[in-house]
Amino acid sequence: MMNKLRAHLAGLPSGPVADKKAIVPLLAAAWEIFDGSAVESMASYKVRRLEEPVWNPPVLSFTIERHGGTVMGSSRAELQRWAVNLDTFAATCGTAGHRQLRPTQPRLNVEPKAEDLVRLILTGQPDDRLKWREPSRRVQVLIGKIIPRGSAAKQTLEGRRRRLAGAIATRLEAAGWVPVADSAPRTYQKIDPEETAGS
């Protein structure tokens, strides 16, 4: 298989390869011969997605779109630049950037959600997004029920939850509620005005 790839490339001028379809099956068939070809979970069948092949003897380089991040919900695919050396039988790769596959989700305005949750807390109302631990005195904000897992890519999800939690905390503290350090995350307790005055 390597001999067929060598023979085909030997007939090409140096520089960008005009007919990539001709080299795909030849490179795929010889792929596992190259040392390093399995890094980044690369496999011969993925070679069919190669783009922008360039032949600079003895090195054939190309870009390939990888979709590992999209499995986790990302809207971008990683672009890798591979180089295979036909003399040393070595394959190396590096990051060549990213490609936007679909529009990014618009930035979530957390302010209305924060206002709604704080209003419920200050009036002591029951809600499935809140867990009251002591009547009207201590409450836990269940952030996962407000912005559920799977509603966005992991990084976006974490950012949205962090911004919402911050907006809620700011409003509650202004209204006399403070975080409870020795309790579950995002648990707040109403300050007793008499205790505050006594201190």
N, C-alpha and C. Protein backbone atom coordinates (compact mmCIF):
# COMPACT_ATOMS: atom_id res chain seq x y z
N MET A 1 0.82 -1.20 0.00
CA MET A 1 0.00 0.00 0.00
C MET A 1 0.86 1.26 0.00
N MET A 2 1.96 1.21 0.76
CA MET A 2 2.85 2.36 0.81
C MET A 2 3.47 2.63 -0.55
N ASN A 3 3.80 1.57 -1.26
CA ASN A 3 4.40 1.74 -2.59
C ASN A 3 3.44 2.43 -3.55
N LYS A 4 2.16 2.10 -3.46
CA LYS A 4 1.16 2.74 -4.33
C LYS A 4 1.03 4.22 -3.99
N LEU A 5 1.06 4.53 -2.68
CA LEU A 5 0.98 5.92 -2.26
C LEU A 5 2.21 6.68 -2.73
N ARG A 6 3.39 6.07 -2.58
CA ARG A 6 4.63 6.69 -3.03
C ARG A 6 4.60 6.96 -4.53
N ALA A 7 4.16 5.95 -5.29
CA ALA A 7 4.15 6.07 -6.74
C ALA A 7 3.21 7.19 -7.20
N HIS A 8 2.06 7.29 -6.53
CA HIS A 8 1.11 8.33 -6.92
C HIS A 8 1.65 9.72 -6.61
N LEU A 9 2.21 9.88 -5.40
CA LEU A 9 2.73 11.18 -5.00
C LEU A 9 3.97 11.58 -5.81
N ALA A 10 4.74 10.60 -6.23
CA ALA A 10 5.95 10.89 -7.01
C ALA A 10 5.61 11.57 -8.33
N GLY A 11 4.41 11.33 -8.81
CA GLY A 11 4.00 11.94 -10.08
C GLY A 11 3.36 13.30 -9.92
N LEU A 12 3.30 13.81 -8.69
CA LEU A 12 2.68 15.11 -8.44
C LEU A 12 3.72 16.19 -8.21
N PRO A 13 3.45 17.41 -8.61
CA PRO A 13 4.37 18.51 -8.32
C PRO A 13 4.27 18.89 -6.84
N SER A 14 5.29 19.53 -6.32
CA SER A 14 5.24 20.00 -4.94
C SER A 14 4.18 21.09 -4.80
N GLY A 15 3.55 21.11 -3.63
CA GLY A 15 2.54 22.13 -3.39
C GLY A 15 1.17 21.52 -3.15
N PRO A 16 0.12 22.33 -3.18
CA PRO A 16 -1.24 21.83 -2.95
C PRO A 16 -1.62 20.73 -3.93
N VAL A 17 -2.28 19.70 -3.43
CA VAL A 17 -2.72 18.58 -4.27
C VAL A 17 -4.11 18.90 -4.82
N ALA A 18 -4.21 18.95 -6.13
CA ALA A 18 -5.47 19.35 -6.76
C ALA A 18 -6.56 18.29 -6.61
N ASP A 19 -6.19 17.03 -6.79
CA ASP A 19 -7.18 15.95 -6.74
C ASP A 19 -7.01 15.15 -5.46
N LYS A 20 -7.69 15.58 -4.40
CA LYS A 20 -7.54 14.89 -3.12
C LYS A 20 -8.24 13.53 -3.12
N LYS A 21 -9.25 13.37 -3.96
CA LYS A 21 -9.99 12.10 -3.99
C LYS A 21 -9.09 10.93 -4.37
N ALA A 22 -8.08 11.21 -5.16
CA ALA A 22 -7.20 10.14 -5.62
C ALA A 22 -6.28 9.65 -4.51
N ILE A 23 -5.90 10.53 -3.59
CA ILE A 23 -4.95 10.12 -2.55
C ILE A 23 -5.64 9.54 -1.31
N VAL A 24 -6.94 9.83 -1.13
CA VAL A 24 -7.64 9.38 0.08
C VAL A 24 -7.58 7.87 0.26
N PRO A 25 -7.99 7.06 -0.73
CA PRO A 25 -7.95 5.60 -0.52
C PRO A 25 -6.53 5.06 -0.34
N LEU A 26 -5.56 5.68 -1.02
CA LEU A 26 -4.17 5.24 -0.91
C LEU A 26 -3.61 5.54 0.48
N LEU A 27 -3.89 6.75 0.98
CA LEU A 27 -3.42 7.13 2.30
C LEU A 27 -4.12 6.32 3.40
N ALA A 28 -5.42 6.11 3.23
CA ALA A 28 -6.18 5.34 4.22
C ALA A 28 -5.66 3.91 4.31
N ALA A 29 -5.33 3.32 3.19
CA ALA A 29 -4.84 1.95 3.17
C ALA A 29 -3.47 1.82 3.85
N ALA A 30 -2.67 2.88 3.77
CA ALA A 30 -1.32 2.84 4.35
C ALA A 30 -1.26 3.49 5.73
N TRP A 31 -2.36 4.00 6.21
CA TRP A 31 -2.36 4.83 7.42
C TRP A 31 -1.71 4.17 8.63
N GLU A 32 -2.04 2.94 8.90
CA GLU A 32 -1.55 2.28 10.12
C GLU A 32 -0.06 1.98 10.08
N ILE A 33 0.56 2.16 8.93
CA ILE A 33 2.01 1.94 8.83
C ILE A 33 2.77 3.08 9.52
N PHE A 34 2.17 4.27 9.52
CA PHE A 34 2.85 5.44 10.08
C PHE A 34 2.86 5.40 11.61
N ASP A 35 4.05 5.61 12.17
CA ASP A 35 4.19 5.69 13.62
C ASP A 35 3.56 6.99 14.11
N GLY A 36 2.62 6.88 15.05
CA GLY A 36 1.93 8.07 15.54
C GLY A 36 0.58 8.28 14.91
N SER A 37 0.20 7.39 14.02
CA SER A 37 -1.07 7.56 13.31
C SER A 37 -2.29 7.36 14.19
N ALA A 38 -2.10 6.73 15.36
CA ALA A 38 -3.25 6.44 16.23
C ALA A 38 -3.45 7.48 17.33
N VAL A 39 -2.56 8.47 17.41
CA VAL A 39 -2.74 9.48 18.45
C VAL A 39 -3.99 10.30 18.15
N GLU A 40 -4.55 10.92 19.18
CA GLU A 40 -5.78 11.70 19.05
C GLU A 40 -6.95 10.85 18.55
N SER A 41 -6.86 9.53 18.80
CA SER A 41 -7.92 8.60 18.37
C SER A 41 -8.15 8.65 16.86
N MET A 42 -7.11 8.94 16.12
CA MET A 42 -7.21 8.99 14.67
C MET A 42 -7.23 7.56 14.14
N ALA A 43 -7.98 7.35 13.07
CA ALA A 43 -8.08 6.03 12.46
C ALA A 43 -8.13 6.19 10.95
N SER A 44 -7.83 5.11 10.24
CA SER A 44 -7.73 5.19 8.78
C SER A 44 -9.04 5.63 8.12
N TYR A 45 -10.19 5.21 8.67
CA TYR A 45 -11.45 5.56 8.01
C TYR A 45 -11.75 7.06 8.10
N LYS A 46 -11.10 7.76 9.05
CA LYS A 46 -11.32 9.20 9.18
C LYS A 46 -10.56 10.01 8.15
N VAL A 47 -9.62 9.35 7.46
CA VAL A 47 -8.81 10.04 6.46
C VAL A 47 -9.67 10.59 5.33
N ARG A 48 -10.84 9.99 5.14
CA ARG A 48 -11.70 10.44 4.04
C ARG A 48 -12.15 11.89 4.20
N ARG A 49 -12.00 12.44 5.42
CA ARG A 49 -12.42 13.82 5.65
C ARG A 49 -11.28 14.82 5.45
N LEU A 50 -10.15 14.36 4.93
CA LEU A 50 -9.01 15.27 4.81
C LEU A 50 -9.31 16.44 3.88
N GLU A 51 -8.69 17.57 4.18
CA GLU A 51 -8.84 18.79 3.39
C GLU A 51 -7.47 19.41 3.17
N GLU A 52 -7.38 20.22 2.14
CA GLU A 52 -6.17 21.00 1.85
C GLU A 52 -4.89 20.18 1.89
N PRO A 53 -4.83 19.06 1.16
CA PRO A 53 -3.58 18.28 1.15
C PRO A 53 -2.46 19.03 0.43
N VAL A 54 -1.27 18.94 0.99
CA VAL A 54 -0.09 19.58 0.39
C VAL A 54 1.03 18.56 0.35
N TRP A 55 1.68 18.44 -0.80
CA TRP A 55 2.78 17.48 -0.99
C TRP A 55 4.09 18.24 -1.11
N ASN A 56 4.93 18.11 -0.08
CA ASN A 56 6.28 18.65 -0.11
C ASN A 56 7.21 17.50 0.22
N PRO A 57 7.67 16.76 -0.81
CA PRO A 57 8.43 15.53 -0.61
C PRO A 57 9.49 15.66 0.48
N PRO A 58 9.54 14.71 1.41
CA PRO A 58 8.76 13.46 1.47
C PRO A 58 7.51 13.56 2.36
N VAL A 59 7.03 14.78 2.60
CA VAL A 59 5.94 14.97 3.56
C VAL A 59 4.63 15.34 2.87
N LEU A 60 3.59 14.60 3.24
CA LEU A 60 2.23 14.92 2.81
C LEU A 60 1.50 15.46 4.04
N SER A 61 0.98 16.68 3.93
CA SER A 61 0.26 17.26 5.05
C SER A 61 -1.18 17.57 4.64
N PHE A 62 -2.05 17.62 5.63
CA PHE A 62 -3.46 17.90 5.35
C PHE A 62 -4.16 18.33 6.63
N THR A 63 -5.32 18.94 6.47
CA THR A 63 -6.16 19.34 7.60
C THR A 63 -7.33 18.38 7.68
N ILE A 64 -7.77 18.09 8.92
CA ILE A 64 -8.92 17.22 9.09
C ILE A 64 -9.80 17.76 10.22
N GLU A 65 -11.09 17.68 10.00
CA GLU A 65 -12.06 18.17 10.98
C GLU A 65 -12.40 17.06 11.96
N ARG A 66 -12.24 17.34 13.26
CA ARG A 66 -12.53 16.35 14.29
C ARG A 66 -13.77 16.77 15.08
N HIS A 67 -14.58 15.80 15.43
CA HIS A 67 -15.89 16.12 16.03
C HIS A 67 -16.04 15.67 17.48
N GLY A 68 -14.92 15.44 18.17
CA GLY A 68 -15.02 14.99 19.56
C GLY A 68 -15.78 15.96 20.45
N GLY A 69 -15.55 17.27 20.25
CA GLY A 69 -16.21 18.27 21.08
C GLY A 69 -17.70 18.35 20.84
N THR A 70 -18.13 18.05 19.61
CA THR A 70 -19.55 18.16 19.31
C THR A 70 -20.36 17.12 20.06
N VAL A 71 -19.71 16.00 20.41
CA VAL A 71 -20.40 14.97 21.19
C VAL A 71 -20.79 15.52 22.55
N MET A 72 -19.98 16.46 23.06
CA MET A 72 -20.24 17.06 24.36
C MET A 72 -21.12 18.31 24.26
N GLY A 73 -21.62 18.57 23.05
CA GLY A 73 -22.54 19.69 22.87
C GLY A 73 -21.91 20.93 22.27
N SER A 74 -20.62 20.90 21.97
CA SER A 74 -19.97 22.07 21.40
C SER A 74 -20.50 22.35 20.00
N SER A 75 -20.54 23.63 19.64
CA SER A 75 -20.98 24.01 18.29
C SER A 75 -19.79 24.14 17.34
N ARG A 76 -18.58 23.84 17.85
CA ARG A 76 -17.38 23.95 17.03
C ARG A 76 -16.66 22.62 16.90
N ALA A 77 -16.02 22.42 15.77
CA ALA A 77 -15.21 21.22 15.55
C ALA A 77 -13.74 21.65 15.57
N GLU A 78 -12.89 20.79 16.11
CA GLU A 78 -11.45 21.09 16.12
C GLU A 78 -10.87 20.76 14.75
N LEU A 79 -9.97 21.61 14.29
CA LEU A 79 -9.25 21.35 13.05
C LEU A 79 -7.83 20.93 13.42
N GLN A 80 -7.40 19.78 12.89
CA GLN A 80 -6.04 19.29 13.13
C GLN A 80 -5.26 19.32 11.83
N ARG A 81 -3.99 19.64 11.93
CA ARG A 81 -3.10 19.61 10.77
C ARG A 81 -2.16 18.44 10.94
N TRP A 82 -2.28 17.47 10.05
CA TRP A 82 -1.47 16.25 10.09
C TRP A 82 -0.35 16.33 9.05
N ALA A 83 0.75 15.68 9.37
CA ALA A 83 1.86 15.55 8.42
C ALA A 83 2.39 14.13 8.49
N VAL A 84 2.48 13.47 7.35
CA VAL A 84 3.03 12.12 7.31
C VAL A 84 4.30 12.13 6.45
N ASN A 85 5.35 11.56 6.99
CA ASN A 85 6.64 11.53 6.31
C ASN A 85 6.82 10.16 5.69
N LEU A 86 6.91 10.10 4.37
CA LEU A 86 7.00 8.81 3.68
C LEU A 86 8.40 8.20 3.75
N ASP A 87 9.37 8.96 4.24
CA ASP A 87 10.72 8.41 4.41
C ASP A 87 10.90 7.81 5.80
N THR A 88 10.39 8.49 6.82
CA THR A 88 10.59 8.04 8.20
C THR A 88 9.38 7.27 8.73
N PHE A 89 8.29 7.24 7.96
CA PHE A 89 7.04 6.58 8.38
C PHE A 89 6.50 7.15 9.69
N ALA A 90 6.63 8.47 9.85
CA ALA A 90 6.15 9.13 11.06
C ALA A 90 4.95 10.02 10.73
N ALA A 91 3.98 10.02 11.62
CA ALA A 91 2.81 10.88 11.49
C ALA A 91 2.74 11.79 12.70
N THR A 92 2.57 13.07 12.47
CA THR A 92 2.46 14.04 13.56
C THR A 92 1.25 14.92 13.32
N CYS A 93 0.72 15.47 14.41
CA CYS A 93 -0.43 16.36 14.25
C CYS A 93 -0.37 17.50 15.23
N GLY A 94 -1.06 18.57 14.91
CA GLY A 94 -1.16 19.74 15.78
C GLY A 94 -2.50 20.41 15.55
N THR A 95 -2.87 21.28 16.46
CA THR A 95 -4.14 21.99 16.34
C THR A 95 -4.02 23.10 15.31
N ALA A 96 -5.00 23.17 14.43
CA ALA A 96 -4.98 24.18 13.37
C ALA A 96 -6.15 25.14 13.51
N GLY A 97 -6.81 25.16 14.67
CA GLY A 97 -7.92 26.07 14.88
C GLY A 97 -9.24 25.32 15.06
N HIS A 98 -10.33 26.03 14.87
CA HIS A 98 -11.67 25.47 15.04
C HIS A 98 -12.58 25.95 13.90
N ARG A 99 -13.64 25.22 13.71
CA ARG A 99 -14.63 25.58 12.70
C ARG A 99 -16.00 25.60 13.35
N GLN A 100 -16.72 26.70 13.14
CA GLN A 100 -18.07 26.82 13.68
C GLN A 100 -19.03 25.99 12.83
N LEU A 101 -19.67 25.00 13.44
CA LEU A 101 -20.55 24.11 12.70
C LEU A 101 -22.00 24.60 12.70
N ARG A 102 -22.37 25.28 13.76
CA ARG A 102 -23.72 25.83 13.84
C ARG A 102 -23.68 27.09 14.69
N PRO A 103 -24.67 27.94 14.58
CA PRO A 103 -24.65 29.19 15.35
C PRO A 103 -24.55 28.92 16.85
N THR A 104 -23.79 29.76 17.54
CA THR A 104 -23.70 29.62 18.98
C THR A 104 -25.02 30.04 19.62
N GLN A 105 -25.28 29.48 20.79
CA GLN A 105 -26.50 29.85 21.49
C GLN A 105 -26.39 31.29 21.98
N PRO A 106 -27.49 32.05 21.90
CA PRO A 106 -27.42 33.44 22.36
C PRO A 106 -27.14 33.48 23.86
N ARG A 107 -26.51 34.56 24.29
CA ARG A 107 -26.18 34.72 25.71
C ARG A 107 -27.47 34.80 26.51
N LEU A 108 -27.53 33.99 27.56
CA LEU A 108 -28.73 33.92 28.39
C LEU A 108 -28.79 35.13 29.32
N ASN A 109 -29.91 35.83 29.31
CA ASN A 109 -30.13 36.95 30.23
C ASN A 109 -30.61 36.37 31.55
N VAL A 110 -29.75 36.33 32.54
CA VAL A 110 -30.09 35.69 33.82
C VAL A 110 -30.85 36.63 34.75
N GLU A 111 -30.89 37.91 34.43
CA GLU A 111 -31.50 38.88 35.34
C GLU A 111 -32.97 38.58 35.64
N PRO A 112 -33.82 38.31 34.63
CA PRO A 112 -35.23 38.02 34.93
C PRO A 112 -35.40 36.77 35.81
N LYS A 113 -34.58 35.76 35.57
CA LYS A 113 -34.64 34.55 36.39
C LYS A 113 -34.25 34.85 37.83
N ALA A 114 -33.20 35.65 37.98
CA ALA A 114 -32.76 36.01 39.33
C ALA A 114 -33.83 36.81 40.05
N GLU A 115 -34.43 37.77 39.36
CA GLU A 115 -35.49 38.60 39.96
C GLU A 115 -36.65 37.72 40.42
N ASP A 116 -37.05 36.76 39.58
CA ASP A 116 -38.17 35.88 39.90
C ASP A 116 -37.87 35.03 41.13
N LEU A 117 -36.67 34.43 41.17
CA LEU A 117 -36.32 33.56 42.30
C LEU A 117 -36.20 34.36 43.60
N VAL A 118 -35.61 35.52 43.54
CA VAL A 118 -35.45 36.33 44.74
C VAL A 118 -36.81 36.79 45.26
N ARG A 119 -37.72 37.15 44.38
CA ARG A 119 -39.07 37.54 44.79
C ARG A 119 -39.75 36.41 45.55
N LEU A 120 -39.61 35.18 45.05
CA LEU A 120 -40.20 34.02 45.74
C LEU A 120 -39.58 33.81 47.11
N ILE A 121 -38.27 33.99 47.19
CA ILE A 121 -37.58 33.78 48.46
C ILE A 121 -38.01 34.84 49.48
N LEU A 122 -38.03 36.09 49.06
CA LEU A 122 -38.34 37.18 49.99
C LEU A 122 -39.78 37.10 50.51
N THR A 123 -40.67 36.50 49.71
CA THR A 123 -42.06 36.36 50.13
C THR A 123 -42.34 34.99 50.72
N GLY A 124 -41.29 34.13 50.80
CA GLY A 124 -41.43 32.83 51.43
C GLY A 124 -42.32 31.84 50.70
N GLN A 125 -42.37 31.95 49.38
CA GLN A 125 -43.26 31.09 48.61
C GLN A 125 -42.59 29.77 48.23
N PRO A 126 -43.37 28.68 48.22
CA PRO A 126 -42.81 27.39 47.81
C PRO A 126 -42.62 27.34 46.29
N ASP A 127 -41.61 26.64 45.86
CA ASP A 127 -41.32 26.50 44.43
C ASP A 127 -40.39 25.31 44.28
N ASP A 128 -40.54 24.54 43.18
CA ASP A 128 -39.70 23.34 43.03
C ASP A 128 -38.24 23.68 42.75
N ARG A 129 -37.94 24.95 42.51
CA ARG A 129 -36.56 25.38 42.30
C ARG A 129 -35.89 25.82 43.60
N LEU A 130 -36.69 25.79 44.68
CA LEU A 130 -36.19 26.20 46.00
C LEU A 130 -36.39 25.07 47.00
N LYS A 131 -35.46 24.94 47.92
CA LYS A 131 -35.61 23.95 49.00
C LYS A 131 -35.51 24.70 50.33
N TRP A 132 -36.66 24.83 50.97
CA TRP A 132 -36.69 25.53 52.25
C TRP A 132 -36.23 24.57 53.35
N ARG A 133 -35.23 24.99 54.12
CA ARG A 133 -34.67 24.14 55.16
C ARG A 133 -35.18 24.53 56.54
N GLU A 134 -35.55 25.76 56.70
CA GLU A 134 -36.19 26.21 57.92
C GLU A 134 -37.23 27.23 57.49
N PRO A 135 -38.43 27.18 58.01
CA PRO A 135 -39.51 28.08 57.55
C PRO A 135 -39.08 29.55 57.51
N SER A 136 -39.02 30.06 56.27
CA SER A 136 -38.74 31.49 56.02
C SER A 136 -37.39 31.96 56.54
N ARG A 137 -36.52 31.01 56.90
CA ARG A 137 -35.25 31.42 57.47
C ARG A 137 -34.04 30.97 56.66
N ARG A 138 -34.16 29.81 56.04
CA ARG A 138 -33.03 29.27 55.28
C ARG A 138 -33.54 28.58 54.02
N VAL A 139 -32.89 28.85 52.89
CA VAL A 139 -33.35 28.31 51.62
C VAL A 139 -32.16 27.96 50.74
N GLN A 140 -32.31 26.88 50.00
CA GLN A 140 -31.29 26.48 49.02
C GLN A 140 -31.84 26.70 47.62
N VAL A 141 -31.08 27.36 46.78
CA VAL A 141 -31.46 27.57 45.38
C VAL A 141 -30.96 26.38 44.58
N LEU A 142 -31.89 25.64 43.97
CA LEU A 142 -31.53 24.44 43.19
C LEU A 142 -31.24 24.86 41.75
N ILE A 143 -30.00 25.26 41.53
CA ILE A 143 -29.61 25.86 40.25
C ILE A 143 -29.79 24.88 39.09
N GLY A 144 -29.67 23.58 39.37
CA GLY A 144 -29.82 22.58 38.32
C GLY A 144 -31.23 22.48 37.77
N LYS A 145 -32.21 22.90 38.56
CA LYS A 145 -33.59 22.89 38.09
C LYS A 145 -33.93 24.15 37.30
N ILE A 146 -33.14 25.19 37.50
CA ILE A 146 -33.36 26.44 36.78
C ILE A 146 -32.68 26.39 35.41
N ILE A 147 -31.44 25.93 35.41
CA ILE A 147 -30.70 25.74 34.15
C ILE A 147 -30.25 24.29 34.14
N PRO A 148 -31.07 23.40 33.59
CA PRO A 148 -30.79 21.96 33.67
C PRO A 148 -29.61 21.51 32.82
N ARG A 149 -29.01 20.43 33.24
CA ARG A 149 -27.93 19.80 32.49
C ARG A 149 -28.46 19.38 31.12
N GLY A 150 -27.66 19.60 30.08
CA GLY A 150 -28.09 19.25 28.74
C GLY A 150 -28.72 20.40 27.99
N SER A 151 -28.94 21.53 28.67
CA SER A 151 -29.55 22.68 28.01
C SER A 151 -28.53 23.48 27.21
N ALA A 152 -27.24 23.18 27.41
CA ALA A 152 -26.17 23.86 26.68
C ALA A 152 -24.91 23.04 26.81
N ALA A 153 -23.90 23.39 26.02
CA ALA A 153 -22.59 22.73 26.12
C ALA A 153 -22.04 22.96 27.52
N LYS A 154 -21.17 22.07 27.97
CA LYS A 154 -20.70 22.08 29.36
C LYS A 154 -20.16 23.44 29.78
N GLN A 155 -19.28 24.03 28.96
CA GLN A 155 -18.67 25.30 29.33
C GLN A 155 -19.72 26.40 29.40
N THR A 156 -20.65 26.40 28.44
CA THR A 156 -21.72 27.40 28.42
C THR A 156 -22.64 27.21 29.62
N LEU A 157 -22.95 25.96 29.92
CA LEU A 157 -23.82 25.64 31.05
C LEU A 157 -23.22 26.15 32.36
N GLU A 158 -21.94 25.88 32.56
CA GLU A 158 -21.28 26.31 33.79
C GLU A 158 -21.26 27.83 33.90
N GLY A 159 -21.02 28.49 32.78
CA GLY A 159 -21.00 29.96 32.78
C GLY A 159 -22.36 30.54 33.12
N ARG A 160 -23.41 29.97 32.54
CA ARG A 160 -24.76 30.46 32.82
C ARG A 160 -25.14 30.26 34.28
N ARG A 161 -24.82 29.09 34.80
CA ARG A 161 -25.15 28.82 36.20
C ARG A 161 -24.37 29.76 37.13
N ARG A 162 -23.13 30.01 36.81
CA ARG A 162 -22.30 30.88 37.64
C ARG A 162 -22.85 32.31 37.63
N ARG A 163 -23.25 32.80 36.46
CA ARG A 163 -23.79 34.16 36.37
C ARG A 163 -25.13 34.28 37.09
N LEU A 164 -25.97 33.25 36.95
CA LEU A 164 -27.27 33.28 37.63
C LEU A 164 -27.08 33.24 39.14
N ALA A 165 -26.23 32.37 39.63
CA ALA A 165 -25.98 32.27 41.06
C ALA A 165 -25.46 33.59 41.62
N GLY A 166 -24.60 34.25 40.85
CA GLY A 166 -24.06 35.54 41.28
C GLY A 166 -25.14 36.61 41.36
N ALA A 167 -26.03 36.61 40.35
CA ALA A 167 -27.11 37.60 40.33
C ALA A 167 -28.08 37.39 41.49
N ILE A 168 -28.36 36.14 41.81
CA ILE A 168 -29.25 35.82 42.93
C ILE A 168 -28.60 36.22 44.25
N ALA A 169 -27.33 35.87 44.41
CA ALA A 169 -26.62 36.18 45.65
C ALA A 169 -26.56 37.68 45.91
N THR A 170 -26.30 38.46 44.87
CA THR A 170 -26.21 39.92 45.02
C THR A 170 -27.54 40.50 45.51
N ARG A 171 -28.63 40.03 44.91
CA ARG A 171 -29.96 40.54 45.30
C ARG A 171 -30.34 40.11 46.71
N LEU A 172 -30.04 38.87 47.05
CA LEU A 172 -30.41 38.37 48.37
C LEU A 172 -29.62 39.09 49.47
N GLU A 173 -28.33 39.28 49.24
CA GLU A 173 -27.52 39.94 50.25
C GLU A 173 -27.98 41.38 50.46
N ALA A 174 -28.43 42.02 49.38
CA ALA A 174 -28.94 43.39 49.51
C ALA A 174 -30.23 43.41 50.33
N ALA A 175 -30.95 42.28 50.34
CA ALA A 175 -32.21 42.19 51.08
C ALA A 175 -32.03 41.58 52.47
N GLY A 176 -30.78 41.36 52.88
CA GLY A 176 -30.55 40.86 54.22
C GLY A 176 -30.42 39.36 54.35
N TRP A 177 -30.12 38.68 53.26
CA TRP A 177 -29.88 37.23 53.29
C TRP A 177 -28.41 37.00 53.03
N VAL A 178 -27.82 36.07 53.77
CA VAL A 178 -26.38 35.80 53.62
C VAL A 178 -26.15 34.32 53.31
N PRO A 179 -25.05 34.00 52.61
CA PRO A 179 -24.74 32.59 52.32
C PRO A 179 -24.44 31.83 53.62
N VAL A 180 -24.84 30.57 53.66
CA VAL A 180 -24.58 29.71 54.82
C VAL A 180 -23.38 28.83 54.47
N ALA A 181 -22.27 29.07 55.12
CA ALA A 181 -21.02 28.41 54.76
C ALA A 181 -21.03 26.91 55.04
N ASP A 182 -21.69 26.49 56.11
CA ASP A 182 -21.63 25.09 56.50
C ASP A 182 -22.83 24.29 56.00
N SER A 183 -23.44 24.74 54.92
CA SER A 183 -24.61 24.05 54.39
C SER A 183 -24.40 23.70 52.92
N ALA A 184 -25.46 23.23 52.27
CA ALA A 184 -25.37 22.86 50.86
C ALA A 184 -25.07 24.09 50.01
N PRO A 185 -24.52 23.90 48.83
CA PRO A 185 -24.20 25.05 47.96
C PRO A 185 -25.42 25.91 47.69
N ARG A 186 -25.19 27.22 47.59
CA ARG A 186 -26.22 28.20 47.28
C ARG A 186 -27.38 28.17 48.29
N THR A 187 -27.00 28.02 49.55
CA THR A 187 -27.98 28.09 50.64
C THR A 187 -27.83 29.44 51.34
N TYR A 188 -28.95 30.10 51.57
CA TYR A 188 -28.94 31.43 52.16
C TYR A 188 -29.83 31.46 53.40
N GLN A 189 -29.48 32.34 54.32
CA GLN A 189 -30.25 32.48 55.56
C GLN A 189 -30.55 33.95 55.80
N LYS A 190 -31.76 34.21 56.26
CA LYS A 190 -32.17 35.57 56.55
C LYS A 190 -31.52 36.04 57.85
N ILE A 191 -30.97 37.24 57.81
CA ILE A 191 -30.33 37.81 58.99
C ILE A 191 -31.41 38.28 59.95
N ASP A 192 -31.26 37.92 61.22
CA ASP A 192 -32.20 38.37 62.25
C ASP A 192 -31.81 39.80 62.65
N PRO A 193 -32.70 40.77 62.39
CA PRO A 193 -32.35 42.17 62.71
C PRO A 193 -31.96 42.36 64.16
N GLU A 194 -32.57 41.58 65.09
CA GLU A 194 -32.24 41.72 66.49
C GLU A 194 -30.82 41.25 66.77
N GLU A 195 -30.43 40.14 66.08
CA GLU A 195 -29.07 39.63 66.26
C GLU A 195 -28.07 40.63 65.73
N THR A 196 -28.41 41.25 64.60
CA THR A 196 -27.51 42.23 63.99
C THR A 196 -27.34 43.43 64.92
N ALA A 197 -28.47 43.86 65.51
CA ALA A 197 -28.42 45.01 66.40
C ALA A 197 -27.64 44.69 67.66
N GLY A 198 -27.80 43.41 68.13
CA GLY A 198 -27.12 43.01 69.35
C GLY A 198 -25.62 42.92 69.19
N SER A 199 -25.16 42.62 67.99
CA SER A 199 -23.73 42.49 67.76
C SER A 199 -23.07 43.86 67.64
